[in-house]
Amino acid sequence: MSLFAIHTVPDDHGPLVSLCWSISMSGMMMYSGQKWERELSWEEDGSSVLKYTEESEGDHRTVERYSTDTETAQELRNAVTDEVISWSAYRYDYSKDEMRPTDVSGRAVFNLTFAAGEAGGEGSSCSIDLDAARQNGKGDTISEITELLKSFIKEENLLDRTTEELRLPNGMTKKEYIDSFSMSLGPSAPGVSGSETEKDGWKCPECGNFNTGRFCSECGTPQPV
């Protein structure tokens, strides 16, 4: 059995119970892995909750849950069921893309989960490669869906928030690693303090979000060189 087997959703699948927009970044450098997920889940009564997860390798994982506008969530549910499910057949054509050497790679997908159909059996799921979908002219629809998912993330809609410290197998967090690396380099350059360096940041060229890390916390775009 192939590790990359294609998951197919049966024609008699049940209702969509989860739509997850997932962005992951990884690189050659230690602690470069990052992941963002916005998962919209529906209950049997039609109510829905959005869960936003942000994970930084060796640093932290934050999970926030938000209430949603039921009508908007249902419109999104219908659109995904009617059209997006068919995108699972798309495969990215690398011959159309100019390969660029980089130490950072990223992946963006929609993961769809459906309940069992009326005939019973088990639920089903599929993954949508968003780069492949964009190659097939679905860019505008992807933008509409992702903007709707982001629109639910408002402070007034926040239900709860949890943060967990993450460590790698070596037992260190990212802060501990950076501190130990800085100590090995000795004092910072004259006239430049650590606090001044931490104030520096950059504006994402894709979404305009202000960031201080190597990747955009909103869309995952790497910091321009």
Protein backbone atom coordinates (compact mmCIF):
# COMPACT_ATOMS: atom_id res chain seq x y z
CA MET A 1 0.00 0.00 0.00
CA SER A 2 1.39 3.39 -0.97
CA LEU A 3 2.02 5.94 1.75
CA PHE A 4 0.65 8.49 -0.68
CA ALA A 5 -2.58 6.69 -1.50
CA ILE A 6 -5.38 8.95 -2.71
CA HIS A 7 -8.35 9.12 -0.34
CA THR A 8 -11.64 9.05 -2.22
CA VAL A 9 -14.96 10.11 -0.75
CA PRO A 10 -17.91 7.81 -1.58
CA ASP A 11 -20.85 9.26 -3.50
CA ASP A 12 -23.18 8.48 -0.60
CA HIS A 13 -21.05 10.32 1.97
CA GLY A 14 -22.75 12.00 4.89
CA PRO A 15 -22.68 15.72 5.75
CA LEU A 16 -19.43 17.65 6.03
CA VAL A 17 -18.41 17.71 9.70
CA SER A 18 -15.01 19.41 9.46
CA LEU A 19 -13.12 21.78 7.14
CA CYS A 20 -9.49 22.34 8.14
CA TRP A 21 -7.21 24.85 6.40
CA SER A 22 -3.70 23.76 7.27
CA ILE A 23 -0.40 25.53 6.50
CA SER A 24 2.90 23.93 7.47
CA MET A 25 6.48 25.16 7.03
CA SER A 26 9.72 23.26 7.56
CA GLY A 27 13.38 23.87 6.87
CA MET A 28 16.91 22.64 7.39
CA MET A 29 17.49 24.84 10.43
CA MET A 30 16.64 23.57 13.89
CA TYR A 31 13.30 24.86 15.26
CA SER A 32 12.24 26.12 11.82
CA GLY A 33 9.07 24.01 11.70
CA GLN A 34 5.79 25.91 12.06
CA LYS A 35 2.15 25.05 11.56
CA TRP A 36 -1.16 26.93 11.45
CA GLU A 37 -4.59 25.33 11.32
CA ARG A 38 -8.07 26.84 11.17
CA GLU A 39 -10.62 24.06 11.60
CA LEU A 40 -14.35 24.69 11.31
CA SER A 41 -16.42 21.85 12.79
CA TRP A 42 -20.17 21.29 12.71
CA GLU A 43 -22.35 19.51 15.26
CA GLU A 44 -25.45 17.49 14.38
CA ASP A 45 -27.69 20.44 15.28
CA GLY A 46 -25.92 22.65 12.71
CA SER A 47 -23.96 24.75 15.23
CA SER A 48 -20.27 25.22 14.55
CA VAL A 49 -17.02 26.20 16.25
CA LEU A 50 -13.72 27.32 14.73
CA LYS A 51 -10.48 26.09 16.32
CA TYR A 52 -7.29 28.02 15.54
CA THR A 53 -4.02 26.24 16.29
CA GLU A 54 -0.59 27.86 16.00
CA GLU A 55 2.45 25.69 16.58
CA SER A 56 6.13 26.69 16.58
CA GLU A 57 8.62 23.83 16.77
CA GLY A 58 10.42 23.69 20.10
CA ASP A 59 8.55 26.77 21.33
CA HIS A 60 4.79 26.65 21.87
CA ARG A 61 1.40 25.45 20.72
CA THR A 62 -1.58 27.78 21.16
CA VAL A 63 -5.15 26.61 20.63
CA GLU A 64 -8.05 29.07 20.49
CA ARG A 65 -11.74 28.25 20.02
CA TYR A 66 -14.21 30.74 18.56
CA SER A 67 -17.97 30.84 18.19
CA THR A 68 -19.17 31.38 14.61
CA ASP A 69 -22.01 32.94 12.70
CA THR A 70 -24.23 29.93 11.96
CA GLU A 71 -25.61 31.25 8.66
CA THR A 72 -22.16 32.09 7.23
CA ALA A 73 -20.76 28.76 8.40
CA GLN A 74 -23.61 26.88 6.72
CA GLU A 75 -23.08 28.76 3.43
CA LEU A 76 -19.44 27.75 3.59
CA ARG A 77 -20.42 24.16 4.34
CA ASN A 78 -22.68 24.03 1.30
CA ALA A 79 -20.05 25.54 -1.00
CA VAL A 80 -17.40 23.03 0.11
CA THR A 81 -19.77 20.09 -0.30
CA ASP A 82 -20.98 21.22 -3.72
CA GLU A 83 -17.61 22.11 -5.31
CA VAL A 84 -14.44 21.82 -3.23
CA ILE A 85 -14.74 18.07 -2.70
CA SER A 86 -14.09 17.57 -6.44
CA TRP A 87 -10.70 19.29 -6.13
CA SER A 88 -9.24 16.18 -4.49
CA ALA A 89 -8.62 14.88 -8.03
CA TYR A 90 -6.13 17.70 -8.78
CA ARG A 91 -2.42 16.90 -8.71
CA TYR A 92 0.27 19.56 -8.77
CA ASP A 93 2.13 19.75 -12.10
CA TYR A 94 5.75 20.50 -11.23
CA SER A 95 6.62 20.94 -14.91
CA LYS A 96 4.69 24.23 -14.84
CA ASP A 97 6.69 25.59 -11.93
CA GLU A 98 10.20 27.02 -11.93
CA MET A 99 12.06 25.11 -9.22
CA ARG A 100 14.00 27.39 -6.88
CA PRO A 101 16.63 26.14 -4.43
CA THR A 102 15.60 26.96 -0.86
CA ASP A 103 16.06 25.57 2.62
CA VAL A 104 12.39 26.18 3.44
CA SER A 105 9.41 24.23 2.16
CA GLY A 106 5.72 24.72 2.81
CA ARG A 107 2.41 23.05 2.16
CA ALA A 108 -1.15 24.34 2.29
CA VAL A 109 -4.17 22.01 2.19
CA PHE A 110 -7.87 21.78 2.91
CA ASN A 111 -8.69 18.63 4.87
CA LEU A 112 -12.36 17.63 4.56
CA THR A 113 -14.07 15.14 6.87
CA PHE A 114 -17.53 13.72 6.22
CA ALA A 115 -19.87 11.71 8.43
CA ALA A 116 -21.05 8.28 7.37
CA GLY A 117 -23.77 8.17 4.71
CA GLU A 118 -27.37 7.20 5.33
CA ALA A 119 -26.54 3.60 4.45
CA GLY A 120 -24.20 3.49 7.43
CA GLY A 121 -20.56 2.47 7.46
CA GLU A 122 -17.67 4.72 8.36
CA GLY A 123 -17.04 8.38 7.73
CA SER A 124 -14.70 9.52 4.96
CA SER A 125 -12.11 12.21 4.33
CA CYS A 126 -9.94 13.78 1.64
CA SER A 127 -7.18 16.36 1.31
CA ILE A 128 -7.07 19.20 -1.21
CA ASP A 129 -3.64 20.40 -2.38
CA LEU A 130 -4.24 24.15 -2.63
CA ASP A 131 -1.28 24.74 -4.96
CA ALA A 132 -2.76 22.17 -7.35
CA ALA A 133 -6.20 23.76 -7.04
CA ARG A 134 -4.72 27.19 -7.88
CA GLN A 135 -3.09 25.69 -10.97
CA ASN A 136 -6.59 24.68 -12.03
CA GLY A 137 -8.05 28.16 -11.69
CA LYS A 138 -9.51 27.89 -8.18
CA GLY A 139 -7.47 30.70 -6.63
CA ASP A 140 -10.39 33.11 -6.21
CA THR A 141 -12.56 30.49 -4.51
CA ILE A 142 -9.70 29.52 -2.18
CA SER A 143 -9.29 33.17 -1.19
CA GLU A 144 -13.01 33.51 -0.47
CA ILE A 145 -13.01 30.41 1.74
CA THR A 146 -9.87 31.33 3.67
CA GLU A 147 -11.11 34.89 4.24
CA LEU A 148 -14.35 33.52 5.68
CA LEU A 149 -12.41 31.20 8.00
CA LYS A 150 -10.26 34.10 9.18
CA SER A 151 -13.34 36.31 9.69
CA PHE A 152 -14.51 34.12 12.58
CA ILE A 153 -11.34 34.87 14.55
CA LYS A 154 -12.42 37.88 16.59
CA GLU A 155 -11.73 38.63 20.23
CA GLU A 156 -15.44 38.99 20.96
CA ASN A 157 -16.01 35.46 19.58
CA LEU A 158 -13.26 33.86 21.69
CA LEU A 159 -14.49 30.92 23.78
CA ASP A 160 -11.21 29.76 25.32
CA ARG A 161 -7.45 29.75 24.80
CA THR A 162 -4.74 27.31 25.90
CA THR A 163 -0.97 27.54 25.42
CA GLU A 164 1.47 24.65 25.79
CA GLU A 165 5.28 24.85 25.87
CA LEU A 166 6.91 22.53 23.36
CA ARG A 167 10.33 20.89 23.57
CA LEU A 168 12.35 18.85 21.13
CA PRO A 169 13.89 15.47 21.97
CA ASN A 170 17.03 17.30 23.17
CA GLY A 171 14.88 18.83 25.92
CA MET A 172 15.46 22.45 24.90
CA THR A 173 12.93 25.07 23.90
CA LYS A 174 13.65 27.56 21.13
CA LYS A 175 14.36 30.33 23.65
CA GLU A 176 16.85 28.13 25.53
CA TYR A 177 18.54 27.20 22.26
CA ILE A 178 18.80 30.82 21.11
CA ASP A 179 20.10 31.90 24.53
CA SER A 180 22.77 29.21 24.53
CA PHE A 181 23.76 30.11 20.97
CA SER A 182 23.99 33.82 21.84
CA MET A 183 26.19 33.03 24.84
CA SER A 184 28.55 31.05 22.64
CA LEU A 185 28.95 34.09 20.37
CA GLY A 186 29.80 36.39 23.24
CA PRO A 187 28.50 39.97 23.80
CA SER A 188 26.37 41.58 21.14
CA ALA A 189 27.81 44.13 18.77
CA PRO A 190 28.51 47.61 20.24
CA GLY A 191 25.51 49.92 20.16
CA VAL A 192 22.99 47.11 19.56
CA SER A 193 21.05 45.68 22.49
CA GLY A 194 18.88 42.59 22.52
CA SER A 195 15.78 44.66 23.22
CA GLU A 196 16.44 46.83 20.17
CA THR A 197 16.85 43.76 17.98
CA GLU A 198 13.55 42.29 19.21
CA LYS A 199 11.73 45.45 18.11
CA ASP A 200 12.78 44.87 14.50
CA GLY A 201 10.19 43.24 12.26
CA TRP A 202 8.99 42.93 8.68
CA LYS A 203 5.77 43.29 6.74
CA CYS A 204 4.54 40.23 4.86
CA PRO A 205 4.48 40.91 1.08
CA GLU A 206 1.51 38.54 0.66
CA CYS A 207 -0.99 39.58 3.35
CA GLY A 208 0.56 42.71 4.93
CA ASN A 209 0.78 41.23 8.43
CA PHE A 210 3.60 42.54 10.70
CA ASN A 211 5.94 39.83 11.98
CA THR A 212 9.04 39.35 14.10
CA GLY A 213 9.75 35.69 13.28
CA ARG A 214 11.12 34.06 10.12
CA PHE A 215 7.63 33.23 8.84
CA CYS A 216 4.41 35.20 8.63
CA SER A 217 2.17 34.27 11.56
CA GLU A 218 -0.91 34.89 9.40
CA CYS A 219 -0.24 33.11 6.09
CA GLY A 220 3.09 31.29 6.57
CA THR A 221 5.08 33.20 3.93
CA PRO A 222 8.87 33.11 4.61
CA GLN A 223 10.56 36.40 5.50
CA PRO A 224 12.00 38.03 2.33
CA VAL A 225 15.78 37.92 2.10
